[in-house]
């Protein structure tokens, strides 16, 4: 028996998709350079810092909100900010990977 934990449905699906891409010749897998790894780590750290800052500001704004409508607006703004930060991070990482 293997000591590995069972894979989730998501992990199994991702493996199947990667295999399909490799079989179709869509994806060329190449190892990352040390410079790329460092740049990706930096992009993740910057995004994490932005997210933490935004979360702090969001919680402070929630405490000052006067009514339910204001809360709804703040929550929507926070959701959009999180999506934007995540999108920017993922875009930066993809650019780093392509440069290699």
PDB file of N, CA and C in Angstrom:
ATOM      1  N   UNK A   1       0.824  -1.183   0.000  1.00  0.00           N
ATOM      2  CA  UNK A   1       0.000   0.000   0.000  1.00  0.00           C
ATOM      3  C   UNK A   1       0.868   1.246   0.000  1.00  0.00           C
ATOM      4  N   UNK A   2       0.353   2.294  -0.602  1.00  0.00           N
ATOM      5  CA  UNK A   2       1.067   3.546  -0.702  1.00  0.00           C
ATOM      6  C   UNK A   2       0.778   4.425   0.504  1.00  0.00           C
ATOM      7  N   UNK A   3       1.755   5.240   0.889  1.00  0.00           N
ATOM      8  CA  UNK A   3       1.576   6.168   1.997  1.00  0.00           C
ATOM      9  C   UNK A   3       0.914   7.464   1.545  1.00  0.00           C
ATOM     10  N   UNK A   4       0.706   7.617   0.243  1.00  0.00           N
ATOM     11  CA  UNK A   4       0.116   8.836  -0.282  1.00  0.00           C
ATOM     12  C   UNK A   4      -1.366   8.897   0.060  1.00  0.00           C
ATOM     13  N   UNK A   5      -1.845  10.116   0.278  1.00  0.00           N
ATOM     14  CA  UNK A   5      -3.263  10.306   0.534  1.00  0.00           C
ATOM     15  C   UNK A   5      -4.026  10.154  -0.777  1.00  0.00           C
ATOM     16  N   UNK A   6      -5.273   9.756  -0.712  1.00  0.00           N
ATOM     17  CA  UNK A   6      -6.073   9.660  -1.944  1.00  0.00           C
ATOM     18  C   UNK A   6      -6.203  11.041  -2.585  1.00  0.00           C
ATOM     19  N   UNK A   7      -6.242  11.055  -3.889  1.00  0.00           N
ATOM     20  CA  UNK A   7      -6.350  12.319  -4.611  1.00  0.00           C
ATOM     21  C   UNK A   7      -7.801  12.765  -4.662  1.00  0.00           C
ATOM     22  N   UNK A   8      -7.975  14.082  -4.623  1.00  0.00           N
ATOM     23  CA  UNK A   8      -9.333  14.625  -4.704  1.00  0.00           C
ATOM     24  C   UNK A   8      -9.813  14.547  -6.149  1.00  0.00           C
ATOM     25  N   UNK A   9     -11.101  14.744  -6.318  1.00  0.00           N
ATOM     26  CA  UNK A   9     -11.685  14.733  -7.664  1.00  0.00           C
ATOM     27  C   UNK A   9     -11.060  15.836  -8.511  1.00  0.00           C
ATOM     28  N   UNK A  10     -10.776  16.971  -7.903  1.00  0.00           N
ATOM     29  CA  UNK A  10     -10.164  18.084  -8.628  1.00  0.00           C
ATOM     30  C   UNK A  10      -8.763  17.699  -9.113  1.00  0.00           C
ATOM     31  N   UNK A  11      -7.973  17.079  -8.248  1.00  0.00           N
ATOM     32  CA  UNK A  11      -6.626  16.663  -8.633  1.00  0.00           C
ATOM     33  C   UNK A  11      -6.674  15.638  -9.766  1.00  0.00           C
ATOM     34  N   UNK A  12      -7.590  14.703  -9.677  1.00  0.00           N
ATOM     35  CA  UNK A  12      -7.722  13.696 -10.735  1.00  0.00           C
ATOM     36  C   UNK A  12      -8.140  14.339 -12.055  1.00  0.00           C
ATOM     37  N   UNK A  13      -9.070  15.281 -11.995  1.00  0.00           N
ATOM     38  CA  UNK A  13      -9.512  15.969 -13.205  1.00  0.00           C
ATOM     39  C   UNK A  13      -8.372  16.779 -13.815  1.00  0.00           C
ATOM     40  N   UNK A  14      -7.604  17.463 -12.978  1.00  0.00           N
ATOM     41  CA  UNK A  14      -6.477  18.258 -13.483  1.00  0.00           C
ATOM     42  C   UNK A  14      -5.433  17.359 -14.148  1.00  0.00           C
ATOM     43  N   UNK A  15      -5.170  16.209 -13.561  1.00  0.00           N
ATOM     44  CA  UNK A  15      -4.226  15.275 -14.169  1.00  0.00           C
ATOM     45  C   UNK A  15      -4.717  14.812 -15.534  1.00  0.00           C
ATOM     46  N   UNK A  16      -6.010  14.507 -15.638  1.00  0.00           N
ATOM     47  CA  UNK A  16      -6.566  14.078 -16.927  1.00  0.00           C
ATOM     48  C   UNK A  16      -6.446  15.194 -17.968  1.00  0.00           C
ATOM     49  N   UNK A  17      -6.755  16.424 -17.563  1.00  0.00           N
ATOM     50  CA  UNK A  17      -6.662  17.550 -18.500  1.00  0.00           C
ATOM     51  C   UNK A  17      -5.219  17.785 -18.942  1.00  0.00           C
ATOM     52  N   UNK A  18      -4.281  17.695 -18.019  1.00  0.00           N
ATOM     53  CA  UNK A  18      -2.869  17.862 -18.374  1.00  0.00           C
ATOM     54  C   UNK A  18      -2.424  16.773 -19.349  1.00  0.00           C
ATOM     55  N   UNK A  19      -2.870  15.541 -19.098  1.00  0.00           N
ATOM     56  CA  UNK A  19      -2.516  14.443 -19.999  1.00  0.00           C
ATOM     57  C   UNK A  19      -3.109  14.681 -21.380  1.00  0.00           C
ATOM     58  N   UNK A  20      -4.364  15.146 -21.433  1.00  0.00           N
ATOM     59  CA  UNK A  20      -4.990  15.438 -22.725  1.00  0.00           C
ATOM     60  C   UNK A  20      -4.203  16.532 -23.459  1.00  0.00           C
ATOM     61  N   UNK A  21      -3.792  17.553 -22.742  1.00  0.00           N
ATOM     62  CA  UNK A  21      -3.016  18.632 -23.353  1.00  0.00           C
ATOM     63  C   UNK A  21      -1.675  18.114 -23.873  1.00  0.00           C
ATOM     64  N   UNK A  22      -0.997  17.289 -23.079  1.00  0.00           N
ATOM     65  CA  UNK A  22       0.290  16.735 -23.519  1.00  0.00           C
ATOM     66  C   UNK A  22       0.099  15.865 -24.749  1.00  0.00           C
ATOM     67  N   UNK A  23      -0.955  15.035 -24.733  1.00  0.00           N
ATOM     68  CA  UNK A  23      -1.222  14.156 -25.865  1.00  0.00           C
ATOM     69  C   UNK A  23      -1.537  14.957 -27.130  1.00  0.00           C
ATOM     70  N   UNK A  24      -2.196  16.097 -26.957  1.00  0.00           N
ATOM     71  CA  UNK A  24      -2.553  16.937 -28.101  1.00  0.00           C
ATOM     72  C   UNK A  24      -1.412  17.867 -28.504  1.00  0.00           C
ATOM     73  N   UNK A  25      -0.346  17.888 -27.706  1.00  0.00           N
ATOM     74  CA  UNK A  25       0.786  18.754 -28.017  1.00  0.00           C
ATOM     75  C   UNK A  25       0.533  20.219 -27.709  1.00  0.00           C
ATOM     76  N   UNK A  26      -0.446  20.482 -26.879  1.00  0.00           N
ATOM     77  CA  UNK A  26      -0.815  21.858 -26.566  1.00  0.00           C
ATOM     78  C   UNK A  26       0.152  22.485 -25.576  1.00  0.00           C
ATOM     79  N   UNK A  27       0.569  21.747 -24.596  1.00  0.00           N
ATOM     80  CA  UNK A  27       1.385  22.296 -23.524  1.00  0.00           C
ATOM     81  C   UNK A  27       2.800  21.761 -23.627  1.00  0.00           C
ATOM     82  N   UNK A  28       3.729  22.675 -23.585  1.00  0.00           N
ATOM     83  CA  UNK A  28       5.136  22.292 -23.538  1.00  0.00           C
ATOM     84  C   UNK A  28       5.608  22.534 -22.123  1.00  0.00           C
ATOM     85  N   UNK A  29       5.858  21.469 -21.400  1.00  0.00           N
ATOM     86  CA  UNK A  29       6.302  21.611 -20.020  1.00  0.00           C
ATOM     87  C   UNK A  29       7.810  21.795 -20.000  1.00  0.00           C
ATOM     88  N   UNK A  30       8.223  22.839 -19.312  1.00  0.00           N
ATOM     89  CA  UNK A  30       9.650  23.067 -19.149  1.00  0.00           C
ATOM     90  C   UNK A  30       9.874  23.543 -17.719  1.00  0.00           C
ATOM     91  N   UNK A  31      10.960  23.128 -17.140  1.00  0.00           N
ATOM     92  CA  UNK A  31      11.215  23.497 -15.744  1.00  0.00           C
ATOM     93  C   UNK A  31      11.474  25.002 -15.618  1.00  0.00           C
ATOM     94  N   UNK A  32      11.107  25.525 -14.467  1.00  0.00           N
ATOM     95  CA  UNK A  32      11.337  26.941 -14.199  1.00  0.00           C
ATOM     96  C   UNK A  32      12.788  27.166 -13.789  1.00  0.00           C
ATOM     97  N   UNK A  33      13.308  28.302 -14.177  1.00  0.00           N
ATOM     98  CA  UNK A  33      14.654  28.671 -13.749  1.00  0.00           C
ATOM     99  C   UNK A  33      14.573  29.228 -12.332  1.00  0.00           C
ATOM    100  N   UNK A  34      15.711  29.343 -11.703  1.00  0.00           N
ATOM    101  CA  UNK A  34      15.749  29.924 -10.362  1.00  0.00           C
ATOM    102  C   UNK A  34      15.242  31.356 -10.369  1.00  0.00           C
ATOM    103  N   UNK A  35      15.575  32.076 -11.421  1.00  0.00           N
ATOM    104  CA  UNK A  35      15.120  33.465 -11.549  1.00  0.00           C
ATOM    105  C   UNK A  35      13.590  33.518 -11.676  1.00  0.00           C
ATOM    106  N   UNK A  36      13.027  32.597 -12.455  1.00  0.00           N
ATOM    107  CA  UNK A  36      11.572  32.561 -12.613  1.00  0.00           C
ATOM    108  C   UNK A  36      10.896  32.215 -11.286  1.00  0.00           C
ATOM    109  N   UNK A  37      11.459  31.253 -10.570  1.00  0.00           N
ATOM    110  CA  UNK A  37      10.889  30.884  -9.274  1.00  0.00           C
ATOM    111  C   UNK A  37      10.894  32.072  -8.316  1.00  0.00           C
ATOM    112  N   UNK A  38      11.999  32.807  -8.305  1.00  0.00           N
ATOM    113  CA  UNK A  38      12.098  33.976  -7.426  1.00  0.00           C
ATOM    114  C   UNK A  38      11.085  35.044  -7.833  1.00  0.00           C
ATOM    115  N   UNK A  39      10.928  35.266  -9.131  1.00  0.00           N
ATOM    116  CA  UNK A  39       9.977  36.267  -9.614  1.00  0.00           C
ATOM    117  C   UNK A  39       8.544  35.863  -9.292  1.00  0.00           C
ATOM    118  N   UNK A  40       8.243  34.580  -9.419  1.00  0.00           N
ATOM    119  CA  UNK A  40       6.903  34.088  -9.097  1.00  0.00           C
ATOM    120  C   UNK A  40       6.643  34.236  -7.593  1.00  0.00           C
ATOM    121  N   UNK A  41       7.631  33.899  -6.778  1.00  0.00           N
ATOM    122  CA  UNK A  41       7.481  34.049  -5.331  1.00  0.00           C
ATOM    123  C   UNK A  41       7.251  35.517  -4.976  1.00  0.00           C
ATOM    124  N   UNK A  42       7.969  36.415  -5.631  1.00  0.00           N
ATOM    125  CA  UNK A  42       7.797  37.847  -5.385  1.00  0.00           C
ATOM    126  C   UNK A  42       6.392  38.299  -5.791  1.00  0.00           C
ATOM    127  N   UNK A  43       5.911  37.834  -6.938  1.00  0.00           N
ATOM    128  CA  UNK A  43       4.563  38.197  -7.393  1.00  0.00           C
ATOM    129  C   UNK A  43       3.518  37.704  -6.393  1.00  0.00           C
ATOM    130  N   UNK A  44       3.703  36.502  -5.874  1.00  0.00           N
ATOM    131  CA  UNK A  44       2.763  35.964  -4.886  1.00  0.00           C
ATOM    132  C   UNK A  44       2.826  36.757  -3.588  1.00  0.00           C
ATOM    133  N   UNK A  45       4.035  37.133  -3.158  1.00  0.00           N
ATOM    134  CA  UNK A  45       4.178  37.911  -1.928  1.00  0.00           C
ATOM    135  C   UNK A  45       3.538  39.286  -2.059  1.00  0.00           C
ATOM    136  N   UNK A  46       3.720  39.929  -3.198  1.00  0.00           N
ATOM    137  CA  UNK A  46       3.116  41.244  -3.432  1.00  0.00           C
ATOM    138  C   UNK A  46       1.595  41.131  -3.402  1.00  0.00           C
ATOM    139  N   UNK A  47       1.069  40.126  -4.071  1.00  0.00           N
ATOM    140  CA  UNK A  47      -0.389  39.933  -4.097  1.00  0.00           C
ATOM    141  C   UNK A  47      -0.917  39.639  -2.692  1.00  0.00           C
ATOM    142  N   UNK A  48      -0.202  38.834  -1.953  1.00  0.00           N
ATOM    143  CA  UNK A  48      -0.618  38.504  -0.593  1.00  0.00           C
ATOM    144  C   UNK A  48      -0.623  39.761   0.288  1.00  0.00           C
ATOM    145  N   UNK A  49       0.374  40.610   0.134  1.00  0.00           N
ATOM    146  CA  UNK A  49       0.432  41.854   0.903  1.00  0.00           C
ATOM    147  C   UNK A  49      -0.717  42.790   0.521  1.00  0.00           C
ATOM    148  N   UNK A  50      -0.988  42.888  -0.775  1.00  0.00           N
ATOM    149  CA  UNK A  50      -2.099  43.729  -1.228  1.00  0.00           C
ATOM    150  C   UNK A  50      -3.422  43.205  -0.680  1.00  0.00           C
ATOM    151  N   UNK A  51      -3.574  41.884  -0.686  1.00  0.00           N
ATOM    152  CA  UNK A  51      -4.802  41.275  -0.193  1.00  0.00           C
ATOM    153  C   UNK A  51      -4.963  41.541   1.308  1.00  0.00           C
ATOM    154  N   UNK A  52      -3.887  41.418   2.064  1.00  0.00           N
ATOM    155  CA  UNK A  52      -3.950  41.662   3.504  1.00  0.00           C
ATOM    156  C   UNK A  52      -4.292  43.123   3.786  1.00  0.00           C
ATOM    157  N   UNK A  53      -3.662  44.020   3.044  1.00  0.00           N
ATOM    158  CA  UNK A  53      -3.952  45.438   3.218  1.00  0.00           C
ATOM    159  C   UNK A  53      -5.421  45.733   2.907  1.00  0.00           C
ATOM    160  N   UNK A  54      -5.899  45.180   1.824  1.00  0.00           N
ATOM    161  CA  UNK A  54      -7.285  45.408   1.408  1.00  0.00           C
ATOM    162  C   UNK A  54      -8.261  44.833   2.427  1.00  0.00           C
ATOM    163  N   UNK A  55      -7.902  43.684   3.013  1.00  0.00           N
ATOM    164  CA  UNK A  55      -8.768  43.066   4.014  1.00  0.00           C
ATOM    165  C   UNK A  55      -8.853  43.923   5.273  1.00  0.00           C
ATOM    166  N   UNK A  56      -7.727  44.480   5.684  1.00  0.00           N
ATOM    167  CA  UNK A  56      -7.719  45.359   6.855  1.00  0.00           C
ATOM    168  C   UNK A  56      -8.606  46.579   6.603  1.00  0.00           C
ATOM    169  N   UNK A  57      -8.440  47.190   5.445  1.00  0.00           N
ATOM    170  CA  UNK A  57      -9.252  48.358   5.103  1.00  0.00           C
ATOM    171  C   UNK A  57     -10.738  47.992   5.015  1.00  0.00           C
ATOM    172  N   UNK A  58     -11.014  46.819   4.474  1.00  0.00           N
ATOM    173  CA  UNK A  58     -12.397  46.358   4.348  1.00  0.00           C
ATOM    174  C   UNK A  58     -13.047  46.201   5.725  1.00  0.00           C
ATOM    175  N   UNK A  59     -12.345  45.553   6.657  1.00  0.00           N
ATOM    176  CA  UNK A  59     -12.899  45.347   7.993  1.00  0.00           C
ATOM    177  C   UNK A  59     -13.122  46.680   8.705  1.00  0.00           C
ATOM    178  N   UNK A  60     -12.213  47.616   8.525  1.00  0.00           N
ATOM    179  CA  UNK A  60     -12.390  48.940   9.128  1.00  0.00           C
ATOM    180  C   UNK A  60     -13.619  49.633   8.541  1.00  0.00           C
ATOM    181  N   UNK A  61     -13.812  49.512   7.237  1.00  0.00           N
ATOM    182  CA  UNK A  61     -14.966  50.128   6.588  1.00  0.00           C
ATOM    183  C   UNK A  61     -16.265  49.459   7.041  1.00  0.00           C
ATOM    184  N   UNK A  62     -16.236  48.153   7.235  1.00  0.00           N
ATOM    185  CA  UNK A  62     -17.437  47.448   7.700  1.00  0.00           C
ATOM    186  C   UNK A  62     -17.876  47.956   9.071  1.00  0.00           C
ATOM    187  N   UNK A  63     -16.914  48.234   9.938  1.00  0.00           N
ATOM    188  CA  UNK A  63     -17.248  48.731  11.275  1.00  0.00           C
ATOM    189  C   UNK A  63     -17.901  50.112  11.222  1.00  0.00           C
ATOM    190  N   UNK A  64     -17.593  50.895  10.180  1.00  0.00           N
ATOM    191  CA  UNK A  64     -18.148  52.239  10.052  1.00  0.00           C
ATOM    192  C   UNK A  64     -19.447  52.268   9.246  1.00  0.00           C
ATOM    193  N   UNK A  65     -19.802  51.157   8.620  1.00  0.00           N
ATOM    194  CA  UNK A  65     -20.996  51.129   7.759  1.00  0.00           C
ATOM    195  C   UNK A  65     -22.251  51.420   8.576  1.00  0.00           C
ATOM    196  N   UNK A  66     -23.128  52.226   7.972  1.00  0.00           N
ATOM    197  CA  UNK A  66     -24.312  52.690   8.687  1.00  0.00           C
ATOM    198  C   UNK A  66     -25.522  51.779   8.502  1.00  0.00           C
ATOM    199  N   UNK A  67     -25.634  51.149   7.340  1.00  0.00           N
ATOM    200  CA  UNK A  67     -26.835  50.350   7.093  1.00  0.00           C
ATOM    201  C   UNK A  67     -26.508  49.155   6.191  1.00  0.00           C
ATOM    202  N   UNK A  68     -27.532  48.366   5.921  1.00  0.00           N
ATOM    203  CA  UNK A  68     -27.361  47.144   5.133  1.00  0.00           C
ATOM    204  C   UNK A  68     -26.936  47.444   3.697  1.00  0.00           C
ATOM    205  N   UNK A  69     -27.434  48.537   3.127  1.00  0.00           N
ATOM    206  CA  UNK A  69     -27.049  48.894   1.755  1.00  0.00           C
ATOM    207  C   UNK A  69     -25.567  49.228   1.678  1.00  0.00           C
ATOM    208  N   UNK A  70     -25.077  49.948   2.668  1.00  0.00           N
ATOM    209  CA  UNK A  70     -23.651  50.290   2.698  1.00  0.00           C
ATOM    210  C   UNK A  70     -22.812  49.028   2.849  1.00  0.00           C
ATOM    211  N   UNK A  71     -23.270  48.105   3.673  1.00  0.00           N
ATOM    212  CA  UNK A  71     -22.559  46.832   3.845  1.00  0.00           C
ATOM    213  C   UNK A  71     -22.493  46.062   2.534  1.00  0.00           C
ATOM    214  N   UNK A  72     -23.595  46.025   1.818  1.00  0.00           N
ATOM    215  CA  UNK A  72     -23.637  45.306   0.545  1.00  0.00           C
ATOM    216  C   UNK A  72     -22.662  45.909  -0.459  1.00  0.00           C
ATOM    217  N   UNK A  73     -22.603  47.238  -0.510  1.00  0.00           N
ATOM    218  CA  UNK A  73     -21.682  47.917  -1.423  1.00  0.00           C
ATOM    219  C   UNK A  73     -20.239  47.604  -1.047  1.00  0.00           C
ATOM    220  N   UNK A  74     -19.935  47.655   0.244  1.00  0.00           N
ATOM    221  CA  UNK A  74     -18.576  47.367   0.705  1.00  0.00           C
ATOM    222  C   UNK A  74     -18.169  45.930   0.388  1.00  0.00           C
ATOM    223  N   UNK A  75     -19.082  45.009   0.595  1.00  0.00           N
ATOM    224  CA  UNK A  75     -18.776  43.600   0.312  1.00  0.00           C
ATOM    225  C   UNK A  75     -18.542  43.378  -1.177  1.00  0.00           C
ATOM    226  N   UNK A  76     -19.311  44.047  -2.013  1.00  0.00           N
ATOM    227  CA  UNK A  76     -19.128  43.921  -3.463  1.00  0.00           C
ATOM    228  C   UNK A  76     -17.791  44.523  -3.891  1.00  0.00           C
ATOM    229  N   UNK A  77     -17.440  45.670  -3.327  1.00  0.00           N
ATOM    230  CA  UNK A  77     -16.149  46.292  -3.647  1.00  0.00           C
ATOM    231  C   UNK A  77     -14.998  45.375  -3.229  1.00  0.00           C
ATOM    232  N   UNK A  78     -15.118  44.778  -2.059  1.00  0.00           N
ATOM    233  CA  UNK A  78     -14.084  43.874  -1.564  1.00  0.00           C
ATOM    234  C   UNK A  78     -13.946  42.654  -2.471  1.00  0.00           C
ATOM    235  N   UNK A  79     -15.079  42.104  -2.902  1.00  0.00           N
ATOM    236  CA  UNK A  79     -15.059  40.955  -3.810  1.00  0.00           C
ATOM    237  C   UNK A  79     -14.352  41.312  -5.114  1.00  0.00           C
ATOM    238  N   UNK A  80     -14.679  42.481  -5.673  1.00  0.00           N
ATOM    239  CA  UNK A  80     -14.032  42.921  -6.925  1.00  0.00           C
ATOM    240  C   UNK A  80     -12.542  43.149  -6.733  1.00  0.00           C
ATOM    241  N   UNK A  81     -12.169  43.750  -5.616  1.00  0.00           N
ATOM    242  CA  UNK A  81     -10.747  43.978  -5.338  1.00  0.00           C
ATOM    243  C   UNK A  81      -9.986  42.661  -5.232  1.00  0.00           C
ATOM    244  N   UNK A  82     -10.580  41.684  -4.545  1.00  0.00           N
ATOM    245  CA  UNK A  82      -9.926  40.373  -4.428  1.00  0.00           C
ATOM    246  C   UNK A  82      -9.762  39.724  -5.793  1.00  0.00           C
ATOM    247  N   UNK A  83     -10.791  39.801  -6.616  1.00  0.00           N
ATOM    248  CA  UNK A  83     -10.708  39.227  -7.960  1.00  0.00           C
ATOM    249  C   UNK A  83      -9.631  39.923  -8.789  1.00  0.00           C
ATOM    250  N   UNK A  84      -9.550  41.256  -8.686  1.00  0.00           N
ATOM    251  CA  UNK A  84      -8.560  42.017  -9.450  1.00  0.00           C
ATOM    252  C   UNK A  84      -7.145  41.656  -9.001  1.00  0.00           C
ATOM    253  N   UNK A  85      -6.930  41.580  -7.701  1.00  0.00           N
ATOM    254  CA  UNK A  85      -5.608  41.237  -7.182  1.00  0.00           C
ATOM    255  C   UNK A  85      -5.221  39.832  -7.629  1.00  0.00           C
ATOM    256  N   UNK A  86      -6.140  38.898  -7.551  1.00  0.00           N
ATOM    257  CA  UNK A  86      -5.876  37.526  -7.988  1.00  0.00           C
ATOM    258  C   UNK A  86      -5.594  37.472  -9.483  1.00  0.00           C
ATOM    259  N   UNK A  87      -6.381  38.196 -10.270  1.00  0.00           N
ATOM    260  CA  UNK A  87      -6.178  38.233 -11.724  1.00  0.00           C
ATOM    261  C   UNK A  87      -4.806  38.822 -12.049  1.00  0.00           C
ATOM    262  N   UNK A  88      -4.458  39.928 -11.406  1.00  0.00           N
ATOM    263  CA  UNK A  88      -3.157  40.562 -11.656  1.00  0.00           C
ATOM    264  C   UNK A  88      -2.009  39.625 -11.299  1.00  0.00           C
ATOM    265  N   UNK A  89      -2.148  38.925 -10.163  1.00  0.00           N
ATOM    266  CA  UNK A  89      -1.114  37.974  -9.744  1.00  0.00           C
ATOM    267  C   UNK A  89      -0.962  36.850 -10.765  1.00  0.00           C
ATOM    268  N   UNK A  90      -2.090  36.263 -11.174  1.00  0.00           N
ATOM    269  CA  UNK A  90      -2.048  35.156 -12.121  1.00  0.00           C
ATOM    270  C   UNK A  90      -1.492  35.594 -13.476  1.00  0.00           C
ATOM    271  N   UNK A  91      -1.851  36.790 -13.904  1.00  0.00           N
ATOM    272  CA  UNK A  91      -1.347  37.320 -15.175  1.00  0.00           C
ATOM    273  C   UNK A  91       0.171  37.509 -15.103  1.00  0.00           C
ATOM    274  N   UNK A  92       0.646  38.054 -13.995  1.00  0.00           N
ATOM    275  CA  UNK A  92       2.088  38.276 -13.812  1.00  0.00           C
ATOM    276  C   UNK A  92       2.827  36.936 -13.806  1.00  0.00           C
ATOM    277  N   UNK A  93       2.279  35.942 -13.123  1.00  0.00           N
ATOM    278  CA  UNK A  93       2.923  34.629 -13.075  1.00  0.00           C
ATOM    279  C   UNK A  93       2.961  34.008 -14.450  1.00  0.00           C
ATOM    280  N   UNK A  94       1.893  34.128 -15.210  1.00  0.00           N
ATOM    281  CA  UNK A  94       1.854  33.579 -16.571  1.00  0.00           C
ATOM    282  C   UNK A  94       2.905  34.261 -17.444  1.00  0.00           C
ATOM    283  N   UNK A  95       3.055  35.579 -17.308  1.00  0.00           N
ATOM    284  CA  UNK A  95       4.081  36.292 -18.074  1.00  0.00           C
ATOM    285  C   UNK A  95       5.481  35.800 -17.710  1.00  0.00           C
ATOM    286  N   UNK A  96       5.713  35.566 -16.434  1.00  0.00           N
ATOM    287  CA  UNK A  96       7.015  35.068 -15.985  1.00  0.00           C
ATOM    288  C   UNK A  96       7.282  33.697 -16.572  1.00  0.00           C
ATOM    289  N   UNK A  97       6.290  32.839 -16.555  1.00  0.00           N
ATOM    290  CA  UNK A  97       6.450  31.480 -17.104  1.00  0.00           C
ATOM    291  C   UNK A  97       6.736  31.496 -18.597  1.00  0.00           C
ATOM    292  N   UNK A  98       6.092  32.411 -19.327  1.00  0.00           N
ATOM    293  CA  UNK A  98       6.277  32.485 -20.773  1.00  0.00           C
ATOM    294  C   UNK A  98       7.656  33.001 -21.156  1.00  0.00           C
ATOM    295  N   UNK A  99       8.243  33.843 -20.322  1.00  0.00           N
ATOM    296  CA  UNK A  99       9.546  34.414 -20.637  1.00  0.00           C
ATOM    297  C   UNK A  99      10.655  33.365 -20.632  1.00  0.00           C
ATOM    298  N   UNK A 100      10.446  32.287 -19.897  1.00  0.00           N
ATOM    299  CA  UNK A 100      11.477  31.252 -19.763  1.00  0.00           C
ATOM    300  C   UNK A 100      11.638  30.485 -20.979  1.00  0.00           C
TER     301      UNK A 100
END
